[in-house]
Amino acid sequence: MAKNLFEKVWDAHAVRELPNGQTQLLIGTHLIHEVTSPQAFGMLRDRNLPVMMPHRTFATVDHIVPTNEFHEPYSDPLADAMIKELRKNCEQHGITFFDTNTGHQGIVHVVGPEQGITQPGTTIACGDSHTSTHGAFGAIAFGIGTSQVRDVLATQTIALNRLKVRRINVDGELQPGVYAKDVILHIIRVLGVNGGTGFAYEYAGDVFDRFTMEERMTVCNMSIEGGARVGYVNPDDTTFQYLKGRPYSPEGEAWEEAVATWRGFASDPDCTYDDVVNIRAEDIKPTVTWGINPGQGIFIDEAIPSVEGVEDGQKASVAEALEHMKFEGGEPIQGKRIDVAFIGSCTNGRLSDLEDVAHYIKGHKVADHVHAIVVPGSQVVAAIAQEKGLDVIFREAGFEWRGAGCSMCLAMNPDKLVGDQLCASSSNRNFKGRQGSPTGRTILMSPVMVAAAAITGEVSDAREVFGVLETV
C-alpha cells in the first residue's frame, strides 16, 4: 500500500501500540539543551536510572547563554549554573556536548543540521517546540516537555498519538523580495494558528522543490506556530547534497547505502492525505505580523485590520492585539516607528540569512534611534560569516555582532526589550512578553525586511528600500 513519509517513518519506529491507542515510538535522535534537561536528569537520578542510549543524544547550550559575554563565570548566575549543570550531566552519562569552547555551540536547531546529525527517515525529539525545523530533512521531528525528555533519556521511546497528514502545495514563482519567512507567515495566516492541530504538515510543490535546505528549515521551523506538531519536506538531491561530508553523515559505501534508504522514505506518488491545501506562490507578498500571534499577519502594503472589519469570533482577539500593539485598525503597517531590530533565532539565524542581509545593507546605516543586533545561529555560522567579512559589513552599518544563541527570540538571557519598545524581528513568535518585556511589542518579518526597518527606522518594504530583491 502506498504511504506518505509520515506514515513510513512512524511505522518504522513504532515499538508497539499501547492500550490507550497511543504508539510507543522509538526516538532515533534526541537533542537537549540547558533549559529543559536539568529536571529530567534529576528525575533519572531520583530513580537511579542511566541514559539508555547516550550515543543517540546530543547537547548544546542556546536558550540562556549570553550573546555578549564569552568567558565564564557569566554575570547571570542562573545561566552560569544551568550551563554547568548540563556540562556535568553530559559528562556523567557520556553524551556528546557541543560546549561553548568547542567552536560548534549554537542553537540546537541550527547545530543538528550543520553537524549532519539531522538525517532523513528518522524520529527526532527535543525539549523545544521548534524541533519541527528538522523535518526539512524528511524526518519526523517534534518538541516535547521535560517529563518526556526524562522518558526519552531513560527508554529512548515516547508515547504519542498518531497524527493526520495535510499536504500543503506551494506552486509557481515567488516574486522578488519574497522569502521563505513570507511563505510560512502566509500559510499560517491562511490556515490559522490552530489550523494544524492534530496534523503533520507535508510541504511540497514547485517552491519547496527549488528551496535550499535553509529555506526549508525556516518554513518547517514555524509549523508549530500554525498548530501542527510536525512539518516536513520529502528528502531529495538537495537534502543529500547538504548532508554530504558533514561530521556525522555516513561516508563511503555507507553514504551510498544511506542515500538509497533515505530516498525510500519519500512519500509515494499515489499515497493519500487527510487534507490537501494548494497555494499560488505569485499571491504571496512580503508579510509582517501586526498583532500578538503569528497568524495575525498582513502583506506589507495592507492596512492593519479593524475590530469592525472582522468576524464576530475574531473581534475580541483583534481588539486585544490592537490595544497591546498600540495600533489603530485601518491604518497602514508601513511607517510604524521601530526601536529595536533583531536578526537571528532558529528561524532565521543561518548563514544564508546573514548573507542576504549583508548583501543589501552595504552603504546603508542603521537609523540613529534603532538598536540593531545580529546573532549568528551557531559558532560555525559565526566563523564562516566572519571569514566572509559579513561581521564587518554589519558593524559598519551599525549592527551589534553578537555570539551564538537564542538571544532576543525569547529573552531568557540579557537580550530583552525595555518597556513598550517595538521590535522588528526575524524570530518566530510575537506573543506578549516573548521578548522580555510584558509591554514589549514584536513584529515578525524576514531578515531582509528587518534590515530595511533598521535602516529607515520604521516598518518598510525592503523592495523600496533596496530596490529589486533576489535571494543571494
Protein backbone atom coordinates (compact mmCIF):
# COMPACT_ATOMS: atom_id res chain seq x y z
CA MET A 1 0.00 0.00 0.00
CA ALA A 2 1.28 3.48 -0.89
CA LYS A 3 2.29 5.62 2.10
CA ASN A 4 3.34 9.18 2.77
CA LEU A 5 6.60 9.93 4.55
CA PHE A 6 4.96 10.44 7.92
CA GLU A 7 3.38 7.00 7.79
CA LYS A 8 6.63 5.36 6.68
CA VAL A 9 8.77 6.93 9.38
CA TRP A 10 6.15 6.40 12.08
CA ASP A 11 5.69 2.74 11.22
CA ALA A 12 9.45 2.15 11.04
CA HIS A 13 9.85 3.50 14.59
CA ALA A 14 6.72 2.05 16.21
CA VAL A 15 7.65 -0.26 19.09
CA ARG A 16 4.09 -1.23 19.94
CA GLU A 17 0.55 0.07 20.17
CA LEU A 18 -0.45 0.92 23.73
CA PRO A 19 -3.83 0.05 25.30
CA ASN A 20 -4.82 3.76 25.28
CA GLY A 21 -4.40 3.92 21.50
CA GLN A 22 -1.06 5.72 21.54
CA THR A 23 2.08 4.45 19.88
CA GLN A 24 5.27 3.75 21.79
CA LEU A 25 7.71 5.35 19.37
CA LEU A 26 11.47 4.86 19.21
CA ILE A 27 13.30 8.19 19.10
CA GLY A 28 16.19 7.96 16.67
CA THR A 29 17.85 11.21 17.75
CA HIS A 30 17.40 13.17 20.97
CA LEU A 31 18.59 16.77 21.16
CA ILE A 32 18.89 18.51 24.53
CA HIS A 33 19.82 21.95 25.83
CA GLU A 34 20.37 23.63 29.17
CA VAL A 35 16.81 24.74 29.99
CA THR A 36 14.55 21.66 29.73
CA SER A 37 17.10 18.99 30.66
CA PRO A 38 18.21 19.64 34.29
CA GLN A 39 14.95 18.46 35.85
CA ALA A 40 14.87 15.45 33.52
CA PHE A 41 18.34 14.36 34.60
CA GLY A 42 17.30 14.98 38.20
CA MET A 43 14.38 12.59 37.78
CA LEU A 44 16.75 9.95 36.43
CA ARG A 45 18.97 10.36 39.48
CA ASP A 46 15.97 10.04 41.79
CA ARG A 47 15.23 6.67 40.21
CA ASN A 48 18.88 5.63 39.85
CA LEU A 49 18.40 5.25 36.09
CA PRO A 50 21.09 5.60 33.41
CA VAL A 51 20.65 7.20 29.99
CA MET A 52 19.68 4.19 27.90
CA MET A 53 21.28 5.21 24.59
CA PRO A 54 23.66 8.14 25.17
CA HIS A 55 25.03 7.83 21.63
CA ARG A 56 21.63 8.95 20.32
CA THR A 57 21.61 12.12 22.46
CA PHE A 58 23.39 15.38 21.56
CA ALA A 59 23.53 18.52 23.69
CA THR A 60 24.28 22.20 23.28
CA VAL A 61 23.58 25.45 25.12
CA ASP A 62 21.47 28.12 23.49
CA HIS A 63 18.45 29.46 25.38
CA ILE A 64 20.01 31.16 28.36
CA VAL A 65 23.61 31.56 27.21
CA PRO A 66 24.55 35.26 26.95
CA THR A 67 25.47 36.52 23.49
CA ASN A 68 27.65 39.41 24.68
CA GLU A 69 29.82 37.53 27.20
CA PHE A 70 32.38 34.95 26.19
CA HIS A 71 34.02 33.94 29.44
CA GLU A 72 32.75 32.12 32.50
CA PRO A 73 31.55 32.70 35.09
CA TYR A 74 28.73 34.63 33.43
CA SER A 75 27.25 37.65 35.16
CA ASP A 76 23.84 35.92 35.23
CA PRO A 77 24.18 33.29 37.99
CA LEU A 78 21.25 31.25 36.63
CA ALA A 79 22.81 30.99 33.18
CA ASP A 80 26.13 30.05 34.73
CA ALA A 81 24.52 27.36 36.90
CA MET A 82 22.40 25.84 34.12
CA ILE A 83 25.31 25.55 31.71
CA LYS A 84 27.49 23.94 34.37
CA GLU A 85 24.68 21.52 35.20
CA LEU A 86 24.33 20.41 31.58
CA ARG A 87 28.09 20.03 31.31
CA LYS A 88 28.09 17.80 34.41
CA ASN A 89 25.17 15.68 33.22
CA CYS A 90 26.67 15.12 29.77
CA GLU A 91 30.00 14.12 31.24
CA GLN A 92 28.35 11.75 33.72
CA HIS A 93 26.27 9.98 31.06
CA GLY A 94 28.71 10.05 28.13
CA ILE A 95 26.62 12.42 26.00
CA THR A 96 28.16 14.42 23.16
CA PHE A 97 28.10 18.08 24.20
CA PHE A 98 28.74 20.99 21.86
CA ASP A 99 30.00 23.24 24.64
CA THR A 100 30.84 26.93 24.36
CA ASN A 101 34.56 26.15 23.96
CA THR A 102 34.16 23.65 21.10
CA GLY A 103 33.54 26.01 18.19
CA HIS A 104 30.34 24.06 17.48
CA GLN A 105 27.93 25.51 20.07
CA GLY A 106 24.77 27.20 18.94
CA ILE A 107 21.01 26.99 18.71
CA VAL A 108 20.07 23.33 18.85
CA HIS A 109 18.04 23.52 15.62
CA VAL A 110 21.00 25.02 13.78
CA VAL A 111 23.65 22.73 15.26
CA GLY A 112 21.84 19.45 14.48
CA PRO A 113 21.60 20.05 10.71
CA GLU A 114 25.02 21.64 10.24
CA GLN A 115 26.70 18.73 12.02
CA GLY A 116 24.85 16.16 9.91
CA ILE A 117 23.10 14.77 12.99
CA THR A 118 19.70 15.56 11.48
CA GLN A 119 19.03 12.93 8.82
CA PRO A 120 16.06 11.74 6.73
CA GLY A 121 13.77 8.91 7.76
CA THR A 122 14.31 9.19 11.49
CA THR A 123 12.40 10.47 14.51
CA ILE A 124 13.85 13.47 16.34
CA ALA A 125 12.74 14.86 19.70
CA CYS A 126 13.89 17.86 21.71
CA GLY A 127 12.58 19.79 24.69
CA ASP A 128 11.79 22.76 22.46
CA SER A 129 8.69 23.46 20.41
CA HIS A 130 10.60 24.43 17.27
CA THR A 131 12.06 20.96 16.82
CA SER A 132 9.83 20.76 13.75
CA THR A 133 12.73 22.56 12.00
CA HIS A 134 14.46 19.21 11.45
CA GLY A 135 11.53 17.98 9.36
CA ALA A 136 13.10 19.89 6.47
CA PHE A 137 15.32 16.82 6.03
CA GLY A 138 12.46 14.34 5.77
CA ALA A 139 12.45 13.48 9.47
CA ILE A 140 9.52 13.37 11.88
CA ALA A 141 10.64 15.90 14.47
CA PHE A 142 8.68 17.33 17.37
CA GLY A 143 9.05 19.21 20.61
CA ILE A 144 8.49 17.51 23.96
CA GLY A 145 8.12 18.56 27.60
CA THR A 146 10.56 17.96 30.45
CA SER A 147 8.89 14.77 31.68
CA GLN A 148 9.08 13.42 28.13
CA VAL A 149 12.75 14.40 27.96
CA ARG A 150 13.14 12.16 31.01
CA ASP A 151 11.30 9.34 29.25
CA VAL A 152 13.49 9.54 26.16
CA LEU A 153 16.67 9.67 28.21
CA ALA A 154 15.55 6.61 30.22
CA THR A 155 13.92 4.49 27.50
CA GLN A 156 14.70 6.10 24.11
CA THR A 157 10.93 5.97 23.47
CA ILE A 158 7.90 8.13 23.95
CA ALA A 159 4.12 7.59 23.84
CA LEU A 160 2.36 9.66 21.18
CA ASN A 161 -0.89 9.83 19.26
CA ARG A 162 -0.59 9.29 15.52
CA LEU A 163 -1.16 12.49 13.56
CA LYS A 164 -3.20 13.15 10.45
CA VAL A 165 -1.25 14.48 7.46
CA ARG A 166 -2.02 17.63 5.48
CA ARG A 167 -0.10 18.26 2.27
CA ILE A 168 0.49 21.95 1.53
CA ASN A 169 1.45 22.60 -2.10
CA VAL A 170 3.01 25.96 -2.95
CA ASP A 171 3.36 26.15 -6.72
CA GLY A 172 4.51 28.84 -9.10
CA GLU A 173 7.18 31.52 -8.85
CA LEU A 174 7.80 33.68 -5.80
CA GLN A 175 8.10 37.39 -6.51
CA PRO A 176 11.50 39.05 -5.97
CA GLY A 177 11.76 40.11 -2.34
CA VAL A 178 9.55 37.27 -1.08
CA TYR A 179 11.39 34.84 1.17
CA ALA A 180 10.75 31.55 2.94
CA LYS A 181 9.70 33.52 6.02
CA ASP A 182 6.96 35.19 3.98
CA VAL A 183 5.80 31.79 2.74
CA ILE A 184 5.29 30.34 6.21
CA LEU A 185 3.74 33.53 7.60
CA HIS A 186 1.29 33.42 4.70
CA ILE A 187 0.49 29.74 5.29
CA ILE A 188 -0.21 30.44 8.97
CA ARG A 189 -2.35 33.43 8.03
CA VAL A 190 -4.39 31.31 5.62
CA LEU A 191 -4.82 28.22 7.83
CA GLY A 192 -4.74 29.89 11.25
CA VAL A 193 -2.68 29.35 14.38
CA ASN A 194 -4.85 26.36 15.29
CA GLY A 195 -5.38 25.07 11.77
CA GLY A 196 -2.74 22.39 12.12
CA THR A 197 -3.94 20.92 15.41
CA GLY A 198 -3.69 17.14 15.16
CA PHE A 199 -1.80 17.33 11.86
CA ALA A 200 1.64 16.86 10.44
CA TYR A 201 2.26 19.29 7.57
CA GLU A 202 3.93 17.97 4.42
CA TYR A 203 5.27 20.94 2.45
CA ALA A 204 5.55 20.38 -1.29
CA GLY A 205 5.21 21.96 -4.72
CA ASP A 206 7.46 23.90 -7.09
CA VAL A 207 8.58 26.36 -4.45
CA PHE A 208 9.77 23.73 -2.00
CA ASP A 209 11.44 21.75 -4.77
CA ARG A 210 13.56 24.84 -5.52
CA PHE A 211 14.11 25.92 -1.92
CA THR A 212 17.52 25.42 -0.32
CA MET A 213 17.73 23.39 2.86
CA GLU A 214 17.97 26.55 4.92
CA GLU A 215 14.80 27.90 3.33
CA ARG A 216 13.02 24.61 4.01
CA MET A 217 14.18 24.76 7.62
CA THR A 218 12.70 28.25 8.03
CA VAL A 219 9.27 27.02 6.95
CA CYS A 220 9.34 23.77 8.93
CA ASN A 221 10.53 25.70 11.98
CA MET A 222 7.27 27.63 12.23
CA SER A 223 4.93 24.69 11.66
CA ILE A 224 4.22 24.76 15.37
CA GLU A 225 3.02 28.38 15.07
CA GLY A 226 0.30 27.06 12.78
CA GLY A 227 -0.74 24.43 15.32
CA ALA A 228 0.97 21.48 13.59
CA ARG A 229 3.10 19.19 15.74
CA VAL A 230 5.28 18.23 12.77
CA GLY A 231 6.27 19.84 9.48
CA TYR A 232 8.42 18.15 6.86
CA VAL A 233 9.67 18.19 3.29
CA ASN A 234 10.38 14.99 1.38
CA PRO A 235 14.12 14.26 1.06
CA ASP A 236 15.67 14.77 -2.37
CA ASP A 237 19.01 15.53 -4.02
CA THR A 238 19.06 18.97 -2.35
CA THR A 239 18.85 17.21 1.02
CA PHE A 240 21.59 14.74 0.24
CA GLN A 241 23.93 17.38 -1.18
CA TYR A 242 23.58 19.42 2.01
CA LEU A 243 24.35 16.43 4.23
CA LYS A 244 27.27 15.04 2.26
CA GLY A 245 30.56 15.49 4.09
CA ARG A 246 29.02 16.73 7.34
CA PRO A 247 30.77 15.49 10.51
CA TYR A 248 28.04 12.97 11.47
CA SER A 249 26.99 11.99 7.94
CA PRO A 250 27.82 8.50 6.67
CA GLU A 251 30.90 8.11 4.46
CA GLY A 252 31.98 5.92 1.57
CA GLU A 253 29.80 2.90 0.85
CA ALA A 254 27.73 3.72 3.93
CA TRP A 255 26.85 7.05 2.31
CA GLU A 256 25.51 5.45 -0.85
CA GLU A 257 23.51 2.95 1.18
CA ALA A 258 22.11 5.74 3.35
CA VAL A 259 21.02 7.81 0.36
CA ALA A 260 19.21 4.82 -1.13
CA THR A 261 17.42 4.25 2.17
CA TRP A 262 16.59 7.93 2.59
CA ARG A 263 15.04 8.12 -0.88
CA GLY A 264 12.72 5.29 0.07
CA PHE A 265 11.18 7.34 2.87
CA ALA A 266 9.80 9.99 0.49
CA SER A 267 6.04 9.95 0.07
CA ASP A 268 4.84 7.59 -2.65
CA PRO A 269 3.34 9.38 -5.68
CA ASP A 270 -0.02 7.64 -5.25
CA CYS A 271 -0.28 7.95 -1.45
CA THR A 272 -3.21 9.64 0.24
CA TYR A 273 -3.50 12.55 2.66
CA ASP A 274 -6.13 13.59 5.16
CA ASP A 275 -6.22 17.04 3.60
CA VAL A 276 -4.58 18.94 0.73
CA VAL A 277 -4.14 22.72 0.52
CA ASN A 278 -2.98 24.50 -2.65
CA ILE A 279 -1.37 27.96 -2.59
CA ARG A 280 -0.09 30.02 -5.52
CA ALA A 281 3.38 31.45 -4.97
CA GLU A 282 2.55 34.56 -7.01
CA ASP A 283 -0.09 35.53 -4.47
CA ILE A 284 2.45 35.90 -1.64
CA LYS A 285 3.97 39.30 -0.86
CA PRO A 286 6.40 40.38 1.86
CA THR A 287 4.48 39.64 5.04
CA VAL A 288 4.66 41.11 8.54
CA THR A 289 2.68 40.50 11.70
CA TRP A 290 0.68 43.30 13.27
CA GLY A 291 -0.70 41.54 16.36
CA ILE A 292 0.18 39.15 19.16
CA ASN A 293 0.22 35.77 17.44
CA PRO A 294 1.94 34.69 14.21
CA GLY A 295 -1.40 34.27 12.44
CA GLN A 296 -2.10 37.99 12.74
CA GLY A 297 -0.12 38.86 9.63
CA ILE A 298 -0.67 41.05 6.61
CA PHE A 299 1.17 41.94 3.42
CA ILE A 300 3.41 44.97 3.80
CA ASP A 301 1.10 47.05 1.58
CA GLU A 302 -2.06 46.17 3.54
CA ALA A 303 -3.77 48.02 6.34
CA ILE A 304 -3.98 46.75 9.90
CA PRO A 305 -7.36 45.06 10.47
CA SER A 306 -10.02 46.84 12.50
CA VAL A 307 -12.37 45.28 15.04
CA GLU A 308 -15.34 46.26 12.88
CA GLY A 309 -13.88 44.57 9.82
CA VAL A 310 -13.52 41.03 11.20
CA GLU A 311 -15.95 38.26 12.04
CA ASP A 312 -17.57 38.21 15.48
CA GLY A 313 -15.42 35.33 16.66
CA GLN A 314 -12.26 37.34 15.99
CA LYS A 315 -13.30 40.70 17.41
CA ALA A 316 -12.00 40.10 20.94
CA SER A 317 -8.59 38.86 19.80
CA VAL A 318 -8.21 41.73 17.32
CA ALA A 319 -9.16 44.27 20.00
CA GLU A 320 -6.66 42.75 22.43
CA ALA A 321 -3.93 42.82 19.81
CA LEU A 322 -4.58 46.40 18.77
CA GLU A 323 -4.54 47.54 22.39
CA HIS A 324 -1.27 45.78 23.17
CA MET A 325 0.45 46.89 19.95
CA LYS A 326 -0.88 50.46 20.32
CA PHE A 327 -2.12 50.37 16.75
CA GLU A 328 -5.32 51.68 15.20
CA GLY A 329 -7.31 49.44 12.91
CA GLY A 330 -7.38 50.61 9.32
CA GLU A 331 -4.01 52.37 9.38
CA PRO A 332 -1.01 51.13 7.36
CA ILE A 333 1.63 48.95 8.96
CA GLN A 334 4.27 50.71 6.87
CA GLY A 335 5.74 53.68 8.66
CA LYS A 336 5.41 52.29 12.18
CA ARG A 337 8.47 53.56 14.07
CA ILE A 338 10.61 50.78 15.49
CA ASP A 339 13.05 50.87 18.40
CA VAL A 340 14.87 47.55 18.02
CA ALA A 341 15.88 45.35 15.09
CA PHE A 342 16.78 41.69 15.73
CA ILE A 343 18.26 39.33 13.17
CA GLY A 344 18.77 35.80 14.47
CA SER A 345 16.92 32.82 16.03
CA CYS A 346 16.44 29.21 14.94
CA THR A 347 14.13 30.52 12.23
CA ASN A 348 16.46 32.98 10.53
CA GLY A 349 19.91 32.93 12.09
CA ARG A 350 21.64 30.79 9.48
CA LEU A 351 24.44 31.73 7.11
CA SER A 352 22.20 32.38 4.11
CA ASP A 353 20.08 34.77 6.19
CA LEU A 354 23.16 36.76 7.14
CA GLU A 355 24.49 36.70 3.58
CA ASP A 356 21.21 38.02 2.18
CA VAL A 357 21.12 40.92 4.62
CA ALA A 358 24.81 41.77 4.29
CA HIS A 359 24.42 41.95 0.51
CA TYR A 360 21.78 44.66 0.79
CA ILE A 361 22.95 46.76 3.75
CA LYS A 362 26.31 47.72 2.23
CA GLY A 363 26.44 51.50 2.10
CA HIS A 364 23.49 51.91 4.46
CA LYS A 365 23.37 52.94 8.11
CA VAL A 366 21.02 51.90 10.90
CA ALA A 367 18.76 54.77 11.96
CA ASP A 368 20.11 56.68 14.98
CA HIS A 369 17.22 55.75 17.26
CA VAL A 370 17.30 52.00 16.46
CA HIS A 371 19.20 49.40 18.50
CA ALA A 372 20.10 46.71 15.96
CA ILE A 373 21.68 43.35 16.77
CA VAL A 374 22.58 40.33 14.68
CA VAL A 375 23.06 36.97 16.39
CA PRO A 376 24.50 34.05 14.38
CA GLY A 377 22.70 30.75 14.94
CA SER A 378 25.89 28.90 15.83
CA GLN A 379 29.61 29.30 16.30
CA VAL A 380 30.09 27.60 12.94
CA VAL A 381 27.79 30.13 11.26
CA ALA A 382 29.64 32.96 13.00
CA ALA A 383 33.06 31.65 11.96
CA ILE A 384 32.09 31.27 8.29
CA ALA A 385 30.39 34.67 8.29
CA GLN A 386 33.48 36.27 9.77
CA GLU A 387 35.71 34.58 7.19
CA LYS A 388 33.50 36.17 4.54
CA GLY A 389 33.69 39.56 6.25
CA LEU A 390 29.97 39.73 6.97
CA ASP A 391 30.57 40.85 10.55
CA VAL A 392 32.45 43.89 9.25
CA ILE A 393 29.58 44.79 6.93
CA PHE A 394 27.08 44.53 9.78
CA ARG A 395 29.22 46.58 12.16
CA GLU A 396 29.85 49.29 9.59
CA ALA A 397 26.10 49.54 9.04
CA GLY A 398 25.53 50.00 12.79
CA PHE A 399 24.53 46.50 13.93
CA GLU A 400 25.98 44.83 17.00
CA TRP A 401 27.60 41.50 16.13
CA ARG A 402 26.87 39.01 18.92
CA GLY A 403 27.83 35.47 19.91
CA ALA A 404 25.69 32.44 19.08
CA GLY A 405 22.46 31.79 20.97
CA CYS A 406 18.70 32.21 21.06
CA SER A 407 19.12 35.80 22.20
CA MET A 408 16.13 38.11 21.83
CA CYS A 409 13.88 35.45 20.32
CA LEU A 410 12.69 34.50 23.80
CA ALA A 411 14.79 36.72 26.09
CA MET A 412 15.80 34.09 28.67
CA ASN A 413 19.12 35.94 28.53
CA PRO A 414 20.06 39.64 28.87
CA ASP A 415 18.81 40.45 25.34
CA LYS A 416 15.40 41.92 26.19
CA LEU A 417 13.06 44.66 25.11
CA VAL A 418 12.56 47.53 27.54
CA GLY A 419 9.12 48.93 28.26
CA ASP A 420 6.90 49.12 25.19
CA GLN A 421 9.71 49.11 22.63
CA LEU A 422 8.68 47.95 19.17
CA CYS A 423 10.97 45.33 17.65
CA ALA A 424 11.28 44.28 14.02
CA SER A 425 12.28 40.64 14.48
CA SER A 426 13.29 37.71 12.28
CA SER A 427 12.25 35.28 15.02
CA ASN A 428 9.15 33.08 15.25
CA ARG A 429 6.86 34.36 17.99
CA ASN A 430 5.24 37.70 18.72
CA PHE A 431 3.40 36.75 21.91
CA LYS A 432 3.00 39.27 24.72
CA GLY A 433 6.20 39.30 26.77
CA ARG A 434 8.02 36.98 24.37
CA GLN A 435 10.99 39.32 24.01
CA GLY A 436 11.43 40.01 27.69
CA SER A 437 9.12 42.94 28.48
CA PRO A 438 5.42 42.38 29.28
CA THR A 439 4.62 45.53 27.31
CA GLY A 440 7.19 44.97 24.57
CA ARG A 441 5.88 44.68 21.02
CA THR A 442 7.13 42.40 18.26
CA ILE A 443 6.62 42.45 14.50
CA LEU A 444 7.77 39.29 12.71
CA MET A 445 9.28 39.54 9.24
CA SER A 446 12.08 38.21 7.04
CA PRO A 447 15.69 39.18 7.84
CA VAL A 448 15.91 41.49 4.81
CA MET A 449 12.72 43.23 5.93
CA VAL A 450 14.24 43.63 9.41
CA ALA A 451 17.28 45.24 7.80
CA ALA A 452 15.07 47.64 5.85
CA ALA A 453 13.25 48.60 9.06
CA ALA A 454 16.55 49.09 10.90
CA ILE A 455 17.86 51.44 8.21
CA THR A 456 14.72 53.52 7.78
CA GLY A 457 13.78 53.39 11.46
CA GLU A 458 10.28 52.21 10.63
CA VAL A 459 8.44 49.22 9.17
CA SER A 460 9.28 49.39 5.48
CA ASP A 461 9.01 47.50 2.23
CA ALA A 462 12.52 46.17 1.58
CA ARG A 463 11.80 46.24 -2.16
CA GLU A 464 11.50 50.01 -1.94
CA VAL A 465 14.49 50.46 0.37
CA PHE A 466 16.93 48.23 -1.51
CA GLY A 467 15.41 48.07 -5.00
CA VAL A 468 14.71 44.76 -6.77
CA LEU A 469 15.46 41.91 -4.38
CA GLU A 470 16.59 38.42 -5.22
CA THR A 471 17.95 35.76 -2.88
CA VAL A 472 21.75 36.00 -2.89
